[in-house]
Amino acid sequence: MKITEVRVKLVSNKDDRLKAFCSITMDNEFVVRDIKIIEGTNGYFVAMPSRKMSDHCEKCGGKNHLRARYCNNCGGALQDNRAKKDFKGRMKLHADIAHPINAECRKRIQERVTAAFKEEMEKSKEPGYKPVELDEPDDEVPEIVS
């Protein structure tokens, strides 16, 4: 698998650890969007796209995020600590949508994305800089008519 394109959209909030969103294209055929570039204590790292995990209210069956205290549907109180714990004992509140299977792939993605991020940071300092659009119309999949 080759990463054939990386698009980086810088985030303007200077106080936040989130520095950019990006999308990567693999083998000119497959795109992963909403990859985050985050500034950590040891430099920049890549966080893969994820979704908030949820469960259902015992009373009405309404869907709620795991940190919710009250049901969005019926308003009933929800139990604390409904989230499962990961191998480090931390509450698991998000689930990856897409992620590398092994360390080599993660390293390849991390290196390519952080390099593209640094290039975009340099470009942003130039006069007339125009930010990258991640959702350009030309990369939409055409509708299949049967």
C-alpha atoms as a PDB file:
ATOM      1  CA  MET A   1       0.000   0.000   0.000  1.00  0.00           C
ATOM      2  CA  LYS A   2       1.304   3.421  -0.943  1.00  0.00           C
ATOM      3  CA  ILE A   3       0.063   6.740   0.340  1.00  0.00           C
ATOM      4  CA  THR A   4      -0.404   8.603  -2.920  1.00  0.00           C
ATOM      5  CA  GLU A   5      -1.805  11.889  -1.582  1.00  0.00           C
ATOM      6  CA  VAL A   6      -2.081  13.766   1.703  1.00  0.00           C
ATOM      7  CA  ARG A   7      -4.270  16.862   2.103  1.00  0.00           C
ATOM      8  CA  VAL A   8      -3.848  18.976   5.230  1.00  0.00           C
ATOM      9  CA  LYS A   9      -6.298  21.596   6.513  1.00  0.00           C
ATOM     10  CA  LEU A  10      -4.752  23.683   9.294  1.00  0.00           C
ATOM     11  CA  VAL A  11      -6.870  24.556  12.331  1.00  0.00           C
ATOM     12  CA  SER A  12      -6.735  28.234  13.294  1.00  0.00           C
ATOM     13  CA  ASN A  13      -7.239  27.834  17.074  1.00  0.00           C
ATOM     14  CA  LYS A  14      -3.731  28.483  18.442  1.00  0.00           C
ATOM     15  CA  ASP A  15      -4.519  27.442  22.043  1.00  0.00           C
ATOM     16  CA  ASP A  16      -5.744  23.947  21.187  1.00  0.00           C
ATOM     17  CA  ARG A  17      -3.595  20.833  20.810  1.00  0.00           C
ATOM     18  CA  LEU A  18      -5.498  19.959  17.609  1.00  0.00           C
ATOM     19  CA  LYS A  19      -3.404  21.466  14.804  1.00  0.00           C
ATOM     20  CA  ALA A  20      -4.958  20.120  11.599  1.00  0.00           C
ATOM     21  CA  PHE A  21      -7.308  17.692   9.905  1.00  0.00           C
ATOM     22  CA  CYS A  22      -6.155  15.700   6.944  1.00  0.00           C
ATOM     23  CA  SER A  23      -7.174  13.064   4.448  1.00  0.00           C
ATOM     24  CA  ILE A  24      -4.926  10.447   2.909  1.00  0.00           C
ATOM     25  CA  THR A  25      -5.374   8.634  -0.369  1.00  0.00           C
ATOM     26  CA  MET A  26      -3.936   5.150  -0.710  1.00  0.00           C
ATOM     27  CA  ASP A  27      -2.976   3.635  -4.073  1.00  0.00           C
ATOM     28  CA  ASN A  28      -4.988   6.398  -5.811  1.00  0.00           C
ATOM     29  CA  GLU A  29      -8.082   4.374  -4.891  1.00  0.00           C
ATOM     30  CA  PHE A  30      -9.055   4.692  -1.225  1.00  0.00           C
ATOM     31  CA  VAL A  31      -9.457   7.808   0.957  1.00  0.00           C
ATOM     32  CA  VAL A  32      -9.465   8.086   4.746  1.00  0.00           C
ATOM     33  CA  ARG A  33     -10.784  11.451   5.978  1.00  0.00           C
ATOM     34  CA  ASP A  34     -10.851  13.224   9.339  1.00  0.00           C
ATOM     35  CA  ILE A  35      -7.402  12.156  10.487  1.00  0.00           C
ATOM     36  CA  LYS A  36      -6.304  14.572  13.205  1.00  0.00           C
ATOM     37  CA  ILE A  37      -2.823  15.980  13.777  1.00  0.00           C
ATOM     38  CA  ILE A  38      -2.336  16.675  17.473  1.00  0.00           C
ATOM     39  CA  GLU A  39       0.539  18.337  19.296  1.00  0.00           C
ATOM     40  CA  GLY A  40       1.646  16.031  22.107  1.00  0.00           C
ATOM     41  CA  THR A  41       4.402  16.290  24.690  1.00  0.00           C
ATOM     42  CA  ASN A  42       6.833  14.471  22.348  1.00  0.00           C
ATOM     43  CA  GLY A  43       5.860  16.298  19.145  1.00  0.00           C
ATOM     44  CA  TYR A  44       3.088  15.855  16.624  1.00  0.00           C
ATOM     45  CA  PHE A  45       1.134  12.631  16.325  1.00  0.00           C
ATOM     46  CA  VAL A  46      -1.686  11.327  14.172  1.00  0.00           C
ATOM     47  CA  ALA A  47      -5.092  10.337  15.580  1.00  0.00           C
ATOM     48  CA  MET A  48      -7.225   8.207  13.309  1.00  0.00           C
ATOM     49  CA  PRO A  49     -10.900   9.048  12.702  1.00  0.00           C
ATOM     50  CA  SER A  50     -13.197   7.865  15.464  1.00  0.00           C
ATOM     51  CA  ARG A  51     -16.756   8.083  16.707  1.00  0.00           C
ATOM     52  CA  LYS A  52     -18.155   8.580  20.184  1.00  0.00           C
ATOM     53  CA  MET A  53     -19.412   5.333  21.658  1.00  0.00           C
ATOM     54  CA  SER A  54     -22.933   5.173  23.015  1.00  0.00           C
ATOM     55  CA  ASP A  55     -25.372   2.881  24.774  1.00  0.00           C
ATOM     56  CA  HIS A  56     -29.124   2.751  25.354  1.00  0.00           C
ATOM     57  CA  CYS A  57     -31.280   3.906  28.252  1.00  0.00           C
ATOM     58  CA  GLU A  58     -32.588   1.023  30.378  1.00  0.00           C
ATOM     59  CA  LYS A  59     -36.005   2.730  30.697  1.00  0.00           C
ATOM     60  CA  CYS A  60     -36.839   3.853  27.157  1.00  0.00           C
ATOM     61  CA  GLY A  61     -34.077   2.449  24.944  1.00  0.00           C
ATOM     62  CA  GLY A  62     -32.959   5.932  23.822  1.00  0.00           C
ATOM     63  CA  LYS A  63     -29.391   6.256  22.521  1.00  0.00           C
ATOM     64  CA  ASN A  64     -26.936   8.253  24.683  1.00  0.00           C
ATOM     65  CA  HIS A  65     -23.218   9.020  24.717  1.00  0.00           C
ATOM     66  CA  LEU A  66     -21.343   7.217  27.480  1.00  0.00           C
ATOM     67  CA  ARG A  67     -20.610  10.394  29.467  1.00  0.00           C
ATOM     68  CA  ALA A  68     -24.273  11.486  29.498  1.00  0.00           C
ATOM     69  CA  ARG A  69     -25.830  11.632  32.951  1.00  0.00           C
ATOM     70  CA  TYR A  70     -29.420  11.809  31.745  1.00  0.00           C
ATOM     71  CA  CYS A  71     -31.208  10.180  28.826  1.00  0.00           C
ATOM     72  CA  ASN A  72     -31.635  12.387  25.750  1.00  0.00           C
ATOM     73  CA  ASN A  73     -35.033  10.791  25.127  1.00  0.00           C
ATOM     74  CA  CYS A  74     -36.842  10.393  28.471  1.00  0.00           C
ATOM     75  CA  GLY A  75     -34.660  12.498  30.802  1.00  0.00           C
ATOM     76  CA  GLY A  76     -34.144   9.606  33.229  1.00  0.00           C
ATOM     77  CA  ALA A  77     -30.906   9.342  35.202  1.00  0.00           C
ATOM     78  CA  LEU A  78     -28.288   7.030  33.662  1.00  0.00           C
ATOM     79  CA  GLN A  79     -25.824   4.876  35.585  1.00  0.00           C
ATOM     80  CA  ASP A  80     -22.256   6.120  36.010  1.00  0.00           C
ATOM     81  CA  ASN A  81     -19.286   4.244  34.533  1.00  0.00           C
ATOM     82  CA  ARG A  82     -21.206   2.632  31.663  1.00  0.00           C
ATOM     83  CA  ALA A  83     -18.062   2.703  29.479  1.00  0.00           C
ATOM     84  CA  LYS A  84     -15.875  -0.369  29.166  1.00  0.00           C
ATOM     85  CA  LYS A  85     -12.226   0.001  30.160  1.00  0.00           C
ATOM     86  CA  ASP A  86      -9.252  -0.446  27.845  1.00  0.00           C
ATOM     87  CA  PHE A  87      -6.160  -2.514  28.648  1.00  0.00           C
ATOM     88  CA  LYS A  88      -4.715   0.430  30.641  1.00  0.00           C
ATOM     89  CA  GLY A  89      -7.861   0.728  32.751  1.00  0.00           C
ATOM     90  CA  ARG A  90      -9.088   3.943  31.094  1.00  0.00           C
ATOM     91  CA  MET A  91     -12.699   4.401  30.002  1.00  0.00           C
ATOM     92  CA  LYS A  92     -13.117   3.648  26.303  1.00  0.00           C
ATOM     93  CA  LEU A  93     -15.259   6.538  25.011  1.00  0.00           C
ATOM     94  CA  HIS A  94     -14.326   6.480  21.308  1.00  0.00           C
ATOM     95  CA  ALA A  95     -14.003   3.728  18.705  1.00  0.00           C
ATOM     96  CA  ASP A  96     -11.752   3.999  15.658  1.00  0.00           C
ATOM     97  CA  ILE A  97     -13.505   4.075  12.302  1.00  0.00           C
ATOM     98  CA  ALA A  98     -10.320   3.315  10.375  1.00  0.00           C
ATOM     99  CA  HIS A  99      -6.897   2.430  11.716  1.00  0.00           C
ATOM    100  CA  PRO A 100      -3.634   0.706  10.762  1.00  0.00           C
ATOM    101  CA  ILE A 101      -3.354  -2.967  11.637  1.00  0.00           C
ATOM    102  CA  ASN A 102       0.351  -2.989  12.515  1.00  0.00           C
ATOM    103  CA  ALA A 103       3.124  -0.718  13.793  1.00  0.00           C
ATOM    104  CA  GLU A 104       4.870  -0.457  10.398  1.00  0.00           C
ATOM    105  CA  CYS A 105       1.735   0.890   8.730  1.00  0.00           C
ATOM    106  CA  ARG A 106       1.094   3.314  11.608  1.00  0.00           C
ATOM    107  CA  LYS A 107       4.674   4.589  11.344  1.00  0.00           C
ATOM    108  CA  ARG A 108       4.386   5.068   7.566  1.00  0.00           C
ATOM    109  CA  ILE A 109       1.153   7.048   7.950  1.00  0.00           C
ATOM    110  CA  GLN A 110       2.517   9.080  10.876  1.00  0.00           C
ATOM    111  CA  GLU A 111       5.689  10.049   9.015  1.00  0.00           C
ATOM    112  CA  ARG A 112       3.932  10.962   5.766  1.00  0.00           C
ATOM    113  CA  VAL A 113       1.137  12.937   7.435  1.00  0.00           C
ATOM    114  CA  THR A 114       3.395  14.886   9.812  1.00  0.00           C
ATOM    115  CA  ALA A 115       5.752  15.737   6.924  1.00  0.00           C
ATOM    116  CA  ALA A 116       2.801  17.035   4.872  1.00  0.00           C
ATOM    117  CA  PHE A 117       1.596  18.999   7.915  1.00  0.00           C
ATOM    118  CA  LYS A 118       4.996  20.674   8.321  1.00  0.00           C
ATOM    119  CA  GLU A 119       5.037  21.528   4.593  1.00  0.00           C
ATOM    120  CA  GLU A 120       1.563  23.065   4.874  1.00  0.00           C
ATOM    121  CA  MET A 121       2.678  25.071   7.929  1.00  0.00           C
ATOM    122  CA  GLU A 122       5.538  26.530   5.859  1.00  0.00           C
ATOM    123  CA  LYS A 123       3.226  27.305   2.925  1.00  0.00           C
ATOM    124  CA  SER A 124       0.819  29.076   5.316  1.00  0.00           C
ATOM    125  CA  LYS A 125       3.512  31.646   6.095  1.00  0.00           C
ATOM    126  CA  GLU A 126       3.750  32.739   2.438  1.00  0.00           C
ATOM    127  CA  PRO A 127       1.787  35.745   1.166  1.00  0.00           C
ATOM    128  CA  GLY A 128      -1.394  34.804  -0.687  1.00  0.00           C
ATOM    129  CA  TYR A 129      -1.667  31.418   1.026  1.00  0.00           C
ATOM    130  CA  LYS A 130      -4.921  29.604   0.290  1.00  0.00           C
ATOM    131  CA  PRO A 131      -5.900  26.743   2.612  1.00  0.00           C
ATOM    132  CA  VAL A 132      -6.429  23.282   1.170  1.00  0.00           C
ATOM    133  CA  GLU A 133     -10.026  22.123   0.693  1.00  0.00           C
ATOM    134  CA  LEU A 134     -10.500  18.582   1.961  1.00  0.00           C
ATOM    135  CA  ASP A 135     -13.920  18.033   0.376  1.00  0.00           C
ATOM    136  CA  GLU A 136     -13.487  19.182  -3.197  1.00  0.00           C
ATOM    137  CA  PRO A 137     -16.310  18.176  -5.540  1.00  0.00           C
ATOM    138  CA  ASP A 138     -13.975  16.341  -7.975  1.00  0.00           C
ATOM    139  CA  ASP A 139     -13.226  13.615  -5.448  1.00  0.00           C
ATOM    140  CA  GLU A 140     -16.874  12.691  -4.986  1.00  0.00           C
ATOM    141  CA  VAL A 141     -17.929   9.254  -6.141  1.00  0.00           C
ATOM    142  CA  PRO A 142     -20.292   9.471  -9.123  1.00  0.00           C
ATOM    143  CA  GLU A 143     -23.794   8.130  -8.604  1.00  0.00           C
ATOM    144  CA  ILE A 144     -24.297   4.654 -10.008  1.00  0.00           C
ATOM    145  CA  VAL A 145     -27.398   4.381 -12.168  1.00  0.00           C
ATOM    146  CA  SER A 146     -28.839   0.915 -12.722  1.00  0.00           C
END
